[in-house]
Amino acid sequence: MKWTDFIAQIKEAGFDGDGDNFDVVVKWLKKERFDPDEVKTDDETYNLRELFDARPGKKLDVTAAATKAAEEARINDLVNQRMEEINEETGRNKGNKAHKHINVKVGADRLVEDPKGGFKSFGDFANSVHGAHTRAGVSPELAAWQKALSTYSLEGVGADGGYAVPPEWRAEIEKVVFGEDSLLSRCTQFPLAGNSITLPLDVTTPWQTSGGVLAYWEGEAGAKTQSKVALNTVDLRLRKCTVLCPVTDELLEDAIALGAFLNMTVGEKMDFKIGEAIIRGTGAGQPLGILNSGSIISVDKETDQAADTICYSNVLKMWQRLYAPYRSDAVWLINQDCEEQLHSMCNLCKTCAGTAVCGGGAVYVPAGGPNAMKWGMLFGRPVIPTQHCETVGDTGDIILASFKQYITAVKSGGLQSATSIHLWFDQDVTAFRFVMRVDGQPKLLSAISPRDGSNTMSAFVKLDARG
């Protein structure tokens, strides 16, 4: 088959473009859901690119190459100019003449080391992203930043069509998402360069007598009893957490205010959405939350316990069901409505027969005090009020969790930004979209069976509803 025969055939199927333009042909094939790589006949398969290159009388067109070379030269000049300005501002150029063996970097490699990516502010970057989707086109700064990343195999333009946020302002947003108050920061994290990871996990217990790695006492000369490793695997595939942020045209005109607004808003929204998934995610298109996992333990309410109450026996039994080695990093999560009952909770003294008598003391230690504690304390562990918990009386109003036993995968440097002027066009509002890729699930697939006794243990414990 010849290229001309192939073009004649697809013209019969509706193609009416330039048959000497390979990209136009491939675009049409994709649109019509044909394979753009291979052409099949009854008895042979042809590579589309080879057919195109072997066509007779092919045109020599150097326009695209010349344009590309000119654009690369222009961008390199802009990169060098901007980096010279940065070096002058920071004083990096001072004294360089006295050092003959300095490893000097030029062009894109210097820009990729600039935490601001060559932009003056986050608002300046956001405005450049906005301009790239309008008639203004890609700004020289944004083009230079893209080139710097692509030169070093970094992700300049994401799979969603967005632009990589420079490190300094990405860090400002991630400071909230990974901050002290976020749930994600408490989890075991695996940064990913790709989009998925398979982790081997040993979920056996040290006291198991069969399956997995076992320990034995043997006679000095006796034969060793063999054991076999039993590992489970956890597959984490990155999910998109997207924040859609409306920005007015007035705010777009103020780069400093725009940067501050996006830093605050995007970080808070993304942090809550990821935290919500860690608690109650379904695992379908989002992380698997602890409340929906097979390892969660639910403690029963007390006999004749009043509705919408929390008593000392509830929290004591929750503490008993948390596997002891996990207690050192565990936290209590509560709905704010629970605080009143924690403040008035006390531990009543009982006789050996179980009869309550006078006495006892407060169980909950409020925040503040002489040590200016940030959180209240219960059994020596922080009590954190959060909107991720249900209101008092509903299951999930109080949770005891060791988040080190929850594993997450996060895209390395994966915060992407894009914009659209069309979504809220009639309201003079521009939509900024920020995307972070993350996935997670508990390490344990089920609760832990004790060596003796019947009460299972886990890293995650909740209290049943008391309606």
Protein backbone atom coordinates (compact mmCIF):
# COMPACT_ATOMS: atom_id res chain seq x y z
CA MET A 1 0.00 0.00 0.00
CA LYS A 2 1.12 3.55 -0.79
CA TRP A 3 0.35 6.75 1.10
CA THR A 4 -1.77 7.98 -1.82
CA ASP A 5 -3.87 4.79 -1.67
CA PHE A 6 -4.40 5.30 2.06
CA ILE A 7 -5.44 8.95 1.62
CA ALA A 8 -7.87 7.99 -1.14
CA GLN A 9 -9.42 5.39 1.15
CA ILE A 10 -9.95 7.73 4.12
CA LYS A 11 -11.33 10.43 1.82
CA GLU A 12 -14.10 7.97 0.96
CA ALA A 13 -14.72 7.75 4.72
CA GLY A 14 -15.10 11.53 5.00
CA PHE A 15 -11.57 12.97 5.34
CA ASP A 16 -11.28 16.32 3.57
CA GLY A 17 -8.03 17.72 5.02
CA ASP A 18 -4.46 18.13 3.74
CA GLY A 19 -3.18 14.66 2.88
CA ASP A 20 0.42 15.86 3.02
CA ASN A 21 0.10 16.98 6.64
CA PHE A 22 0.72 14.00 8.90
CA ASP A 23 -0.62 15.69 12.04
CA VAL A 24 -3.88 16.62 10.29
CA VAL A 25 -4.36 13.01 9.19
CA VAL A 26 -3.62 11.61 12.67
CA LYS A 27 -5.98 14.11 14.29
CA TRP A 28 -8.80 13.04 11.95
CA LEU A 29 -8.12 9.34 12.63
CA LYS A 30 -8.30 9.90 16.39
CA LYS A 31 -11.50 11.90 16.00
CA GLU A 32 -13.08 9.06 14.03
CA ARG A 33 -11.73 6.51 16.59
CA PHE A 34 -9.32 4.82 14.14
CA ASP A 35 -5.89 3.52 15.18
CA PRO A 36 -3.48 6.39 14.34
CA ASP A 37 -0.39 4.14 14.38
CA GLU A 38 -1.14 1.21 12.07
CA VAL A 39 -3.04 0.49 8.84
CA LYS A 40 -4.25 -3.05 8.18
CA THR A 41 -5.17 -4.73 4.88
CA ASP A 42 -6.35 -8.28 4.34
CA ASP A 43 -2.83 -9.69 4.36
CA GLU A 44 -0.46 -7.06 5.81
CA THR A 45 -0.09 -4.35 8.47
CA TYR A 46 1.62 -1.02 7.72
CA ASN A 47 3.07 1.59 10.04
CA LEU A 48 1.39 4.92 9.32
CA ARG A 49 4.55 7.00 9.85
CA GLU A 50 6.58 4.76 7.51
CA LEU A 51 3.90 5.08 4.82
CA PHE A 52 3.99 8.85 5.18
CA ASP A 53 7.80 9.09 5.05
CA ALA A 54 7.94 6.86 1.96
CA ARG A 55 5.39 8.84 -0.04
CA PRO A 56 6.59 10.11 -3.46
CA GLY A 57 7.15 13.81 -4.03
CA LYS A 58 6.93 14.70 -0.33
CA LYS A 59 7.17 18.39 0.43
CA LEU A 60 10.17 19.87 2.24
CA ASP A 61 8.76 22.22 4.84
CA VAL A 62 11.19 23.74 7.31
CA THR A 63 8.81 26.39 8.57
CA ALA A 64 7.90 24.51 11.76
CA ALA A 65 11.54 23.74 12.60
CA ALA A 66 12.62 27.33 11.99
CA THR A 67 9.76 28.67 14.11
CA LYS A 68 10.56 26.27 16.93
CA ALA A 69 14.26 27.18 16.88
CA ALA A 70 13.47 30.90 16.96
CA GLU A 71 11.05 30.43 19.87
CA GLU A 72 13.59 28.37 21.85
CA ALA A 73 16.23 31.05 21.30
CA ARG A 74 13.81 33.76 22.44
CA ILE A 75 12.87 31.80 25.57
CA ASN A 76 16.52 31.10 26.43
CA ASP A 77 17.28 34.80 26.18
CA LEU A 78 14.36 35.57 28.51
CA VAL A 79 15.47 32.90 30.97
CA ASN A 80 19.03 34.23 31.04
CA GLN A 81 17.82 37.80 31.47
CA ARG A 82 15.48 36.87 34.35
CA MET A 83 18.11 34.80 36.13
CA GLU A 84 20.60 37.65 35.85
CA GLU A 85 18.02 39.89 37.51
CA ILE A 86 17.48 37.33 40.29
CA ASN A 87 21.22 36.99 40.86
CA GLU A 88 21.60 40.74 41.08
CA GLU A 89 18.69 41.00 43.54
CA THR A 90 20.08 38.25 45.80
CA GLY A 91 23.73 39.25 45.49
CA ARG A 92 24.77 35.95 43.95
CA ASN A 93 26.95 37.70 41.35
CA LYS A 94 29.15 39.36 43.98
CA GLY A 95 32.62 37.89 44.20
CA ASN A 96 32.17 35.40 41.38
CA LYS A 97 35.15 36.81 39.50
CA ALA A 98 37.45 35.75 42.31
CA HIS A 99 36.48 32.10 41.95
CA LYS A 100 37.69 30.49 38.73
CA HIS A 101 36.28 27.02 39.41
CA ILE A 102 32.64 27.86 40.09
CA ASN A 103 30.20 25.54 38.35
CA VAL A 104 28.19 28.12 36.40
CA LYS A 105 24.72 27.14 35.25
CA VAL A 106 22.93 28.94 32.46
CA GLY A 107 19.55 28.95 30.78
CA ALA A 108 16.75 26.63 31.79
CA ASP A 109 18.75 24.79 34.47
CA ARG A 110 19.03 28.00 36.50
CA LEU A 111 15.35 28.83 36.16
CA VAL A 112 14.26 25.41 37.43
CA GLU A 113 16.24 26.14 40.62
CA ASP A 114 14.40 29.43 41.14
CA PRO A 115 11.64 28.74 43.73
CA LYS A 116 9.52 31.44 42.11
CA GLY A 117 9.91 30.00 38.61
CA GLY A 118 10.83 33.44 37.26
CA PHE A 119 7.58 35.06 38.44
CA LYS A 120 7.35 38.05 40.77
CA SER A 121 4.47 36.66 42.85
CA PHE A 122 1.86 33.90 42.94
CA GLY A 123 -0.65 36.40 41.56
CA ASP A 124 1.76 37.10 38.68
CA PHE A 125 1.91 33.36 37.92
CA ALA A 126 -1.90 33.03 38.16
CA ASN A 127 -2.34 35.94 35.75
CA SER A 128 0.07 34.29 33.32
CA VAL A 129 -1.94 31.04 33.47
CA HIS A 130 -5.09 33.09 32.90
CA GLY A 131 -3.51 34.82 29.90
CA ALA A 132 -2.48 31.47 28.38
CA HIS A 133 -6.18 30.62 28.01
CA THR A 134 -7.14 33.96 26.46
CA ARG A 135 -6.10 35.94 23.42
CA ALA A 136 -3.09 37.21 25.35
CA GLY A 137 -1.48 33.81 24.85
CA VAL A 138 1.38 32.20 26.77
CA SER A 139 3.52 34.87 28.42
CA PRO A 140 7.32 34.79 28.00
CA GLU A 141 7.67 33.95 31.72
CA LEU A 142 5.23 31.03 31.54
CA ALA A 143 6.84 29.74 28.34
CA ALA A 144 10.26 29.91 29.95
CA TRP A 145 9.01 28.08 33.08
CA GLN A 146 7.45 25.32 30.94
CA LYS A 147 10.65 24.92 28.96
CA ALA A 148 12.77 24.74 32.09
CA LEU A 149 10.65 21.91 33.51
CA SER A 150 10.36 19.93 30.29
CA THR A 151 14.13 20.20 29.73
CA TYR A 152 14.73 18.40 33.01
CA SER A 153 11.99 15.77 32.59
CA LEU A 154 9.73 17.52 35.08
CA GLU A 155 6.02 17.93 34.57
CA GLY A 156 5.54 21.43 33.13
CA VAL A 157 2.08 20.78 31.71
CA GLY A 158 0.01 18.17 33.53
CA ALA A 159 -2.30 15.48 32.19
CA ASP A 160 -5.20 17.82 32.91
CA GLY A 161 -3.81 20.61 30.77
CA GLY A 162 -2.65 22.67 33.74
CA TYR A 163 0.64 24.34 34.55
CA ALA A 164 2.95 23.24 37.35
CA VAL A 165 2.85 25.74 40.21
CA PRO A 166 6.37 27.05 41.08
CA PRO A 167 7.82 25.58 44.31
CA GLU A 168 7.55 28.69 46.50
CA TRP A 169 3.79 29.10 46.03
CA ARG A 170 3.14 25.39 45.82
CA ALA A 171 4.75 25.21 49.26
CA GLU A 172 2.39 27.91 50.57
CA ILE A 173 -0.67 25.85 49.55
CA GLU A 174 0.86 22.55 50.63
CA LYS A 175 1.76 24.13 53.99
CA VAL A 176 -1.97 24.02 54.74
CA VAL A 177 -2.63 20.61 53.16
CA PHE A 178 0.36 19.01 54.93
CA GLY A 179 0.28 21.32 57.97
CA GLU A 180 0.18 20.42 61.64
CA ASP A 181 -3.61 20.56 61.78
CA SER A 182 -4.19 18.38 58.70
CA LEU A 183 -4.93 14.67 58.82
CA LEU A 184 -2.76 14.00 55.77
CA SER A 185 0.35 15.14 57.65
CA ARG A 186 -0.30 12.50 60.35
CA CYS A 187 -0.39 9.63 57.84
CA THR A 188 2.49 7.54 56.52
CA GLN A 189 3.31 9.10 53.16
CA PHE A 190 4.89 7.78 49.97
CA PRO A 191 5.79 10.44 47.37
CA LEU A 192 5.29 9.12 43.82
CA ALA A 193 6.84 10.18 40.54
CA GLY A 194 4.38 7.92 38.68
CA ASN A 195 0.66 7.40 39.17
CA SER A 196 0.51 4.15 41.15
CA ILE A 197 2.42 1.97 43.61
CA THR A 198 2.03 -1.57 44.99
CA LEU A 199 3.22 -1.97 48.57
CA PRO A 200 3.91 -5.31 50.28
CA LEU A 201 2.54 -5.47 53.82
CA ASP A 202 3.17 -8.04 56.54
CA VAL A 203 -0.12 -8.16 58.45
CA THR A 204 0.75 -11.13 60.65
CA THR A 205 1.10 -10.76 64.41
CA PRO A 206 4.18 -11.73 66.47
CA TRP A 207 2.16 -14.31 68.40
CA GLN A 208 0.73 -16.22 65.42
CA THR A 209 1.46 -19.96 65.54
CA SER A 210 0.88 -20.64 61.83
CA GLY A 211 1.35 -18.76 58.59
CA GLY A 212 3.97 -16.10 57.92
CA VAL A 213 7.34 -15.85 59.63
CA LEU A 214 7.44 -17.87 62.87
CA ALA A 215 9.98 -18.09 65.71
CA TYR A 216 10.90 -21.34 67.50
CA TRP A 217 13.03 -22.69 70.35
CA GLU A 218 15.03 -25.54 68.91
CA GLY A 219 17.58 -27.98 70.26
CA GLU A 220 21.15 -26.87 69.56
CA ALA A 221 21.65 -29.60 66.96
CA GLY A 222 18.03 -30.01 65.99
CA ALA A 223 16.64 -29.39 62.51
CA LYS A 224 15.17 -25.92 62.00
CA THR A 225 11.44 -25.67 61.38
CA GLN A 226 10.80 -23.76 58.20
CA SER A 227 8.42 -20.81 57.94
CA LYS A 228 7.16 -18.96 54.90
CA VAL A 229 6.65 -15.24 54.38
CA ALA A 230 2.97 -14.27 54.09
CA LEU A 231 2.57 -10.83 52.56
CA ASN A 232 -0.46 -8.89 51.41
CA THR A 233 -0.21 -6.09 48.87
CA VAL A 234 -1.87 -2.69 48.82
CA ASP A 235 -2.39 -0.97 45.47
CA LEU A 236 -2.50 2.81 45.57
CA ARG A 237 -3.52 4.62 42.39
CA LEU A 238 -3.44 8.39 42.55
CA ARG A 239 -6.85 10.11 42.57
CA LYS A 240 -7.50 13.70 41.55
CA CYS A 241 -8.52 16.16 44.25
CA THR A 242 -9.67 19.28 42.42
CA VAL A 243 -10.37 22.76 43.73
CA LEU A 244 -12.38 25.08 41.46
CA CYS A 245 -11.87 28.67 42.58
CA PRO A 246 -13.88 31.61 41.14
CA VAL A 247 -11.92 34.88 40.79
CA THR A 248 -13.47 38.21 39.85
CA ASP A 249 -11.99 40.40 37.14
CA GLU A 250 -11.28 43.06 39.78
CA LEU A 251 -9.18 40.62 41.81
CA LEU A 252 -7.27 39.57 38.68
CA GLU A 253 -6.02 43.14 38.38
CA ASP A 254 -4.34 42.97 41.80
CA ALA A 255 -1.61 40.30 41.61
CA ILE A 256 -0.65 40.52 45.31
CA ALA A 257 -4.24 40.18 46.56
CA LEU A 258 -4.90 37.40 44.04
CA GLY A 259 -1.91 35.40 45.31
CA ALA A 260 -2.98 35.78 48.95
CA PHE A 261 -6.58 34.81 48.12
CA LEU A 262 -5.58 31.66 46.21
CA ASN A 263 -3.04 30.58 48.85
CA MET A 264 -5.62 30.77 51.62
CA THR A 265 -8.67 29.44 49.78
CA VAL A 266 -7.14 26.59 47.76
CA GLY A 267 -5.15 25.18 50.70
CA GLU A 268 -8.12 25.13 53.09
CA LYS A 269 -10.53 23.56 50.60
CA MET A 270 -8.08 20.90 49.47
CA ASP A 271 -7.07 20.04 53.04
CA PHE A 272 -10.69 19.49 54.12
CA LYS A 273 -11.56 17.39 51.06
CA ILE A 274 -8.56 15.10 51.53
CA GLY A 275 -9.19 14.83 55.28
CA GLU A 276 -12.83 13.94 54.64
CA ALA A 277 -11.71 11.12 52.34
CA ILE A 278 -9.26 9.80 54.96
CA ILE A 279 -12.15 9.54 57.42
CA ARG A 280 -15.06 8.40 55.25
CA GLY A 281 -13.80 7.90 51.68
CA THR A 282 -15.49 5.13 49.69
CA GLY A 283 -12.38 3.92 47.87
CA ALA A 284 -14.14 4.46 44.51
CA GLY A 285 -12.35 7.32 42.74
CA GLN A 286 -11.08 8.55 46.12
CA PRO A 287 -9.06 7.20 49.08
CA LEU A 288 -10.61 4.52 51.32
CA GLY A 289 -11.60 6.10 54.63
CA ILE A 290 -11.08 4.51 58.03
CA LEU A 291 -14.82 4.38 58.75
CA ASN A 292 -15.36 2.25 55.63
CA SER A 293 -12.35 -0.03 56.09
CA GLY A 294 -12.40 -3.63 57.26
CA SER A 295 -10.14 -2.83 60.21
CA ILE A 296 -12.42 -0.35 62.01
CA ILE A 297 -13.67 -1.48 65.44
CA SER A 298 -17.02 -0.20 66.73
CA VAL A 299 -17.51 -0.12 70.51
CA ASP A 300 -21.07 -0.79 71.72
CA LYS A 301 -22.92 1.77 73.80
CA GLU A 302 -23.63 0.97 77.45
CA THR A 303 -26.86 -0.74 78.53
CA ASP A 304 -29.59 1.86 79.11
CA GLN A 305 -27.23 4.66 78.04
CA ALA A 306 -29.11 7.88 77.40
CA ALA A 307 -29.32 9.22 73.85
CA ASP A 308 -26.67 11.69 72.65
CA THR A 309 -24.29 11.08 75.56
CA ILE A 310 -20.66 10.06 76.01
CA CYS A 311 -19.66 8.42 79.28
CA TYR A 312 -16.37 7.33 80.82
CA SER A 313 -17.04 3.66 80.06
CA ASN A 314 -17.33 4.53 76.34
CA VAL A 315 -13.91 6.14 76.05
CA LEU A 316 -12.27 3.59 78.35
CA LYS A 317 -13.46 0.71 76.17
CA MET A 318 -12.34 2.55 73.04
CA TRP A 319 -8.88 2.98 74.59
CA GLN A 320 -8.78 -0.73 75.48
CA ARG A 321 -9.54 -1.73 71.87
CA LEU A 322 -6.72 0.40 70.41
CA TYR A 323 -3.71 -1.89 69.89
CA ALA A 324 -1.21 -0.85 72.59
CA PRO A 325 1.85 -0.26 70.32
CA TYR A 326 -0.23 2.26 68.34
CA ARG A 327 -1.15 4.40 71.36
CA SER A 328 1.98 6.56 71.33
CA ASP A 329 0.91 8.47 68.20
CA ALA A 330 -2.88 8.06 68.44
CA VAL A 331 -5.29 11.02 68.53
CA TRP A 332 -8.93 11.48 69.46
CA LEU A 333 -11.11 13.13 66.84
CA ILE A 334 -14.38 14.61 68.12
CA ASN A 335 -17.21 16.76 66.92
CA GLN A 336 -17.16 20.10 68.70
CA ASP A 337 -20.56 19.27 70.21
CA CYS A 338 -18.83 16.58 72.31
CA GLU A 339 -16.65 19.02 74.28
CA GLU A 340 -19.26 19.89 76.90
CA GLN A 341 -19.64 16.26 77.92
CA LEU A 342 -15.88 15.67 78.02
CA HIS A 343 -15.42 18.60 80.39
CA SER A 344 -17.93 17.14 82.84
CA MET A 345 -16.80 13.49 82.49
CA CYS A 346 -15.37 11.85 85.60
CA ASN A 347 -14.09 8.44 86.62
CA LEU A 348 -16.29 7.06 89.41
CA CYS A 349 -14.62 4.76 91.92
CA LYS A 350 -16.20 1.29 92.13
CA THR A 351 -16.12 -1.55 94.59
CA CYS A 352 -14.82 -4.97 93.61
CA ALA A 353 -18.46 -5.94 93.00
CA GLY A 354 -18.73 -3.12 90.44
CA THR A 355 -20.91 -0.84 92.54
CA ALA A 356 -20.18 2.85 91.99
CA VAL A 357 -19.27 4.86 95.07
CA CYS A 358 -18.41 8.49 95.65
CA GLY A 359 -15.11 9.86 94.49
CA GLY A 360 -13.26 9.69 91.22
CA GLY A 361 -11.81 12.57 89.29
CA ALA A 362 -11.85 14.40 85.98
CA VAL A 363 -10.78 12.38 82.97
CA TYR A 364 -10.42 15.10 80.35
CA VAL A 365 -7.64 17.72 80.57
CA PRO A 366 -8.73 20.89 78.74
CA ALA A 367 -6.51 22.79 76.32
CA GLY A 368 -4.48 25.73 77.61
CA GLY A 369 -3.52 25.61 81.28
CA PRO A 370 -0.03 26.30 82.67
CA ASN A 371 1.62 24.49 79.75
CA ALA A 372 -0.50 26.32 77.13
CA MET A 373 -1.48 23.04 75.48
CA LYS A 374 -2.94 23.42 71.98
CA TRP A 375 -5.27 20.44 72.39
CA GLY A 376 -7.13 18.91 75.30
CA MET A 377 -5.91 15.50 76.46
CA LEU A 378 -7.69 12.20 77.11
CA PHE A 379 -5.63 9.23 78.38
CA GLY A 380 -2.58 11.32 77.53
CA ARG A 381 -3.44 11.72 73.85
CA PRO A 382 -4.59 14.90 72.01
CA VAL A 383 -8.31 15.54 71.53
CA ILE A 384 -8.86 17.37 68.23
CA PRO A 385 -12.25 18.94 67.41
CA THR A 386 -12.97 18.57 63.70
CA GLN A 387 -15.87 18.89 61.29
CA HIS A 388 -14.97 15.47 59.90
CA CYS A 389 -16.82 13.93 62.88
CA GLU A 390 -20.60 13.54 63.14
CA THR A 391 -22.65 15.38 65.75
CA VAL A 392 -22.78 13.96 69.28
CA GLY A 393 -24.78 10.72 69.53
CA ASP A 394 -24.19 9.61 65.93
CA THR A 395 -21.63 6.97 65.05
CA GLY A 396 -18.39 8.71 64.19
CA ASP A 397 -18.85 11.57 66.66
CA ILE A 398 -15.74 10.39 68.52
CA ILE A 399 -12.91 8.41 66.88
CA LEU A 400 -9.64 7.10 68.28
CA ALA A 401 -7.05 6.62 65.54
CA SER A 402 -3.35 6.01 64.89
CA PHE A 403 -2.90 7.63 61.50
CA LYS A 404 0.62 6.23 61.14
CA GLN A 405 -1.27 3.05 60.25
CA TYR A 406 -2.91 4.85 57.31
CA ILE A 407 -0.75 4.97 54.18
CA THR A 408 -1.00 7.66 51.52
CA ALA A 409 0.59 8.20 48.13
CA VAL A 410 1.03 11.77 46.90
CA LYS A 411 2.24 12.98 43.51
CA SER A 412 5.68 14.58 43.90
CA GLY A 413 5.44 18.26 43.01
CA GLY A 414 2.09 17.46 41.47
CA LEU A 415 0.04 20.58 42.22
CA GLN A 416 -1.27 21.79 38.85
CA SER A 417 -3.10 24.99 37.94
CA ALA A 418 -5.36 25.79 34.99
CA THR A 419 -8.02 28.38 34.24
CA SER A 420 -11.16 28.95 32.18
CA ILE A 421 -12.83 32.23 31.23
CA HIS A 422 -15.92 30.44 29.92
CA LEU A 423 -17.42 28.72 32.97
CA TRP A 424 -18.81 31.91 34.59
CA PHE A 425 -18.44 34.21 31.58
CA ASP A 426 -21.78 35.99 32.18
CA GLN A 427 -20.67 36.97 35.71
CA ASP A 428 -17.21 38.39 34.81
CA VAL A 429 -15.64 35.62 36.88
CA THR A 430 -12.66 33.45 35.90
CA ALA A 431 -12.42 29.85 37.14
CA PHE A 432 -9.03 28.72 38.46
CA ARG A 433 -8.59 24.97 38.85
CA PHE A 434 -5.99 23.36 41.11
CA VAL A 435 -5.39 19.60 41.05
CA MET A 436 -3.47 17.42 43.51
CA ARG A 437 -3.19 13.66 43.06
CA VAL A 438 -3.40 11.53 46.19
CA ASP A 439 -4.63 8.12 47.35
CA GLY A 440 -4.66 6.24 50.63
CA GLN A 441 -6.06 3.43 52.75
CA PRO A 442 -5.45 1.78 56.14
CA LYS A 443 -2.52 -0.64 56.40
CA LEU A 444 -4.63 -3.21 58.24
CA LEU A 445 -7.17 -5.10 56.17
CA SER A 446 -8.97 -6.39 59.27
CA ALA A 447 -8.90 -6.09 63.05
CA ILE A 448 -6.12 -7.79 65.04
CA SER A 449 -6.95 -10.98 66.93
CA PRO A 450 -5.33 -11.10 70.38
CA ARG A 451 -3.09 -13.90 71.62
CA ASP A 452 -5.59 -14.61 74.40
CA GLY A 453 -9.13 -13.35 74.81
CA SER A 454 -11.84 -12.45 72.33
CA ASN A 455 -11.68 -8.63 72.06
CA THR A 456 -10.10 -7.70 68.75
CA MET A 457 -7.85 -4.64 68.46
CA SER A 458 -7.12 -2.12 65.74
CA ALA A 459 -5.53 1.21 64.85
CA PHE A 460 -8.99 2.73 64.38
CA VAL A 461 -11.84 2.66 66.90
CA LYS A 462 -15.22 4.40 66.83
CA LEU A 463 -18.24 4.52 69.16
CA ASP A 464 -21.65 3.14 68.14
CA ALA A 465 -24.62 5.48 67.77
CA ARG A 466 -26.48 6.44 70.91
CA GLY A 467 -29.73 7.66 69.37
